[in-house]
Amino acid sequence: MVNGRTVLERFPAGGPRGSWPAEEFAQARRMEGLAAEVVMDLATDTFLVIVRAGDAIE
């Protein structure tokens, strides 16, 4: 956990054209009840799927 966020998964920014694996992964986690969101880590050029501390879909 970093800054109140838990990183669930990391995806390279240079994915195949028309593919959004980070968004698809986050959507699947939201269907499971987690308030997952995608953020960009500019330092590593990756998309992170995160959950903020205390966030869950009721």
N, C-alpha and C. Protein backbone atom coordinates (compact mmCIF):
# COMPACT_ATOMS: atom_id res chain seq x y z
N MET A 1 0.86 -1.18 0.00
CA MET A 1 0.00 0.00 0.00
C MET A 1 0.90 1.23 0.00
N VAL A 2 0.62 2.16 -0.90
CA VAL A 2 1.39 3.39 -1.02
C VAL A 2 0.43 4.56 -1.02
N ASN A 3 0.64 5.53 -0.13
CA ASN A 3 -0.19 6.73 -0.07
C ASN A 3 -1.68 6.40 0.00
N GLY A 4 -2.03 5.38 0.77
CA GLY A 4 -3.43 5.01 0.91
C GLY A 4 -4.00 4.29 -0.30
N ARG A 5 -3.14 3.77 -1.17
CA ARG A 5 -3.59 3.07 -2.37
C ARG A 5 -2.94 1.69 -2.43
N THR A 6 -3.70 0.74 -2.89
CA THR A 6 -3.17 -0.59 -3.13
C THR A 6 -3.12 -0.82 -4.63
N VAL A 7 -1.96 -1.18 -5.14
CA VAL A 7 -1.81 -1.49 -6.57
C VAL A 7 -2.20 -2.94 -6.78
N LEU A 8 -3.22 -3.17 -7.60
CA LEU A 8 -3.67 -4.52 -7.88
C LEU A 8 -2.90 -5.15 -9.03
N GLU A 9 -2.56 -4.33 -10.04
CA GLU A 9 -1.89 -4.85 -11.23
C GLU A 9 -1.23 -3.70 -11.98
N ARG A 10 -0.21 -4.03 -12.77
CA ARG A 10 0.51 -3.06 -13.61
C ARG A 10 0.44 -3.52 -15.06
N PHE A 11 0.26 -2.56 -15.97
CA PHE A 11 0.19 -2.85 -17.40
C PHE A 11 1.08 -1.88 -18.16
N PRO A 12 1.86 -2.36 -19.12
CA PRO A 12 2.69 -1.45 -19.92
C PRO A 12 1.82 -0.50 -20.73
N ALA A 13 2.29 0.73 -20.88
CA ALA A 13 1.51 1.74 -21.61
C ALA A 13 1.46 1.43 -23.10
N GLY A 14 2.41 0.69 -23.63
CA GLY A 14 2.46 0.43 -25.06
C GLY A 14 1.74 -0.83 -25.48
N GLY A 15 0.52 -1.03 -24.99
CA GLY A 15 -0.25 -2.22 -25.35
C GLY A 15 -0.69 -2.20 -26.80
N PRO A 16 -1.22 -3.31 -27.28
CA PRO A 16 -1.69 -3.38 -28.67
C PRO A 16 -2.76 -2.34 -28.97
N ARG A 17 -2.74 -1.82 -30.17
CA ARG A 17 -3.72 -0.80 -30.56
C ARG A 17 -5.14 -1.36 -30.44
N GLY A 18 -6.02 -0.57 -29.84
CA GLY A 18 -7.39 -0.99 -29.66
C GLY A 18 -7.61 -1.87 -28.44
N SER A 19 -6.55 -2.16 -27.69
CA SER A 19 -6.66 -2.99 -26.50
C SER A 19 -6.47 -2.11 -25.27
N TRP A 20 -7.31 -2.30 -24.27
CA TRP A 20 -7.23 -1.54 -23.03
C TRP A 20 -7.20 -2.50 -21.86
N PRO A 21 -6.12 -3.29 -21.72
CA PRO A 21 -6.09 -4.32 -20.68
C PRO A 21 -6.24 -3.78 -19.26
N ALA A 22 -5.70 -2.62 -18.97
CA ALA A 22 -5.83 -2.06 -17.62
C ALA A 22 -7.29 -1.72 -17.33
N GLU A 23 -7.96 -1.11 -18.30
CA GLU A 23 -9.38 -0.76 -18.12
C GLU A 23 -10.24 -2.01 -17.99
N GLU A 24 -9.93 -3.03 -18.77
CA GLU A 24 -10.69 -4.28 -18.70
C GLU A 24 -10.49 -4.95 -17.34
N PHE A 25 -9.25 -4.96 -16.86
CA PHE A 25 -8.95 -5.53 -15.56
C PHE A 25 -9.68 -4.77 -14.46
N ALA A 26 -9.65 -3.44 -14.52
CA ALA A 26 -10.32 -2.61 -13.51
C ALA A 26 -11.83 -2.86 -13.53
N GLN A 27 -12.41 -2.97 -14.72
CA GLN A 27 -13.85 -3.22 -14.82
C GLN A 27 -14.21 -4.57 -14.18
N ALA A 28 -13.40 -5.57 -14.42
CA ALA A 28 -13.65 -6.88 -13.82
C ALA A 28 -13.58 -6.79 -12.29
N ARG A 29 -12.64 -6.01 -11.75
CA ARG A 29 -12.55 -5.85 -10.30
C ARG A 29 -13.76 -5.09 -9.77
N ARG A 30 -14.25 -4.10 -10.52
CA ARG A 30 -15.45 -3.37 -10.09
C ARG A 30 -16.65 -4.30 -10.04
N MET A 31 -16.73 -5.25 -10.98
CA MET A 31 -17.82 -6.22 -10.97
C MET A 31 -17.74 -7.12 -9.74
N GLU A 32 -16.55 -7.26 -9.17
CA GLU A 32 -16.35 -8.04 -7.94
C GLU A 32 -16.58 -7.22 -6.68
N GLY A 33 -16.83 -5.92 -6.83
CA GLY A 33 -17.14 -5.09 -5.68
C GLY A 33 -16.01 -4.18 -5.22
N LEU A 34 -14.89 -4.14 -5.93
CA LEU A 34 -13.80 -3.23 -5.58
C LEU A 34 -13.94 -1.93 -6.37
N ALA A 35 -13.61 -0.84 -5.76
CA ALA A 35 -13.65 0.46 -6.44
C ALA A 35 -12.33 0.69 -7.17
N ALA A 36 -12.04 -0.16 -8.13
CA ALA A 36 -10.77 -0.11 -8.86
C ALA A 36 -10.78 1.03 -9.86
N GLU A 37 -9.62 1.65 -10.02
CA GLU A 37 -9.47 2.71 -11.02
C GLU A 37 -8.08 2.60 -11.65
N VAL A 38 -7.97 3.18 -12.83
CA VAL A 38 -6.71 3.14 -13.57
C VAL A 38 -6.04 4.51 -13.47
N VAL A 39 -4.76 4.50 -13.13
CA VAL A 39 -3.95 5.72 -13.09
C VAL A 39 -2.67 5.46 -13.88
N MET A 40 -2.07 6.54 -14.35
CA MET A 40 -0.82 6.42 -15.12
C MET A 40 0.35 6.73 -14.21
N ASP A 41 1.35 5.87 -14.23
CA ASP A 41 2.61 6.11 -13.53
C ASP A 41 3.60 6.60 -14.58
N LEU A 42 3.78 7.90 -14.66
CA LEU A 42 4.65 8.48 -15.69
C LEU A 42 6.10 8.07 -15.53
N ALA A 43 6.54 7.88 -14.30
CA ALA A 43 7.94 7.53 -14.06
C ALA A 43 8.31 6.18 -14.68
N THR A 44 7.35 5.23 -14.69
CA THR A 44 7.64 3.90 -15.23
C THR A 44 6.91 3.62 -16.53
N ASP A 45 6.11 4.57 -17.02
CA ASP A 45 5.34 4.43 -18.26
C ASP A 45 4.43 3.19 -18.20
N THR A 46 3.74 3.07 -17.07
CA THR A 46 2.80 1.97 -16.89
C THR A 46 1.46 2.49 -16.38
N PHE A 47 0.42 1.72 -16.69
CA PHE A 47 -0.89 1.97 -16.11
C PHE A 47 -1.01 1.10 -14.87
N LEU A 48 -1.48 1.68 -13.79
CA LEU A 48 -1.69 0.96 -12.54
C LEU A 48 -3.18 0.85 -12.27
N VAL A 49 -3.62 -0.32 -11.89
CA VAL A 49 -5.00 -0.49 -11.42
C VAL A 49 -4.90 -0.46 -9.91
N ILE A 50 -5.57 0.52 -9.31
CA ILE A 50 -5.46 0.74 -7.87
C ILE A 50 -6.82 0.73 -7.19
N VAL A 51 -6.77 0.54 -5.89
CA VAL A 51 -7.92 0.73 -5.01
C VAL A 51 -7.45 1.64 -3.89
N ARG A 52 -8.18 2.71 -3.68
CA ARG A 52 -7.83 3.63 -2.58
C ARG A 52 -8.25 3.01 -1.26
N ALA A 53 -7.51 3.32 -0.22
CA ALA A 53 -7.80 2.77 1.12
C ALA A 53 -9.23 3.05 1.52
N GLY A 54 -9.91 2.02 1.95
CA GLY A 54 -11.28 2.18 2.43
C GLY A 54 -12.33 2.19 1.33
N ASP A 55 -11.93 2.12 0.06
CA ASP A 55 -12.91 2.16 -1.03
C ASP A 55 -13.39 0.75 -1.38
N ALA A 56 -14.68 0.62 -1.39
CA ALA A 56 -15.32 -0.61 -1.89
C ALA A 56 -16.72 -0.25 -2.31
N ILE A 57 -17.21 -0.89 -3.30
CA ILE A 57 -18.58 -0.66 -3.75
C ILE A 57 -19.50 -1.46 -2.86
N GLU A 58 -20.46 -0.79 -2.30
CA GLU A 58 -21.40 -1.49 -1.39
C GLU A 58 -22.51 -2.12 -2.17
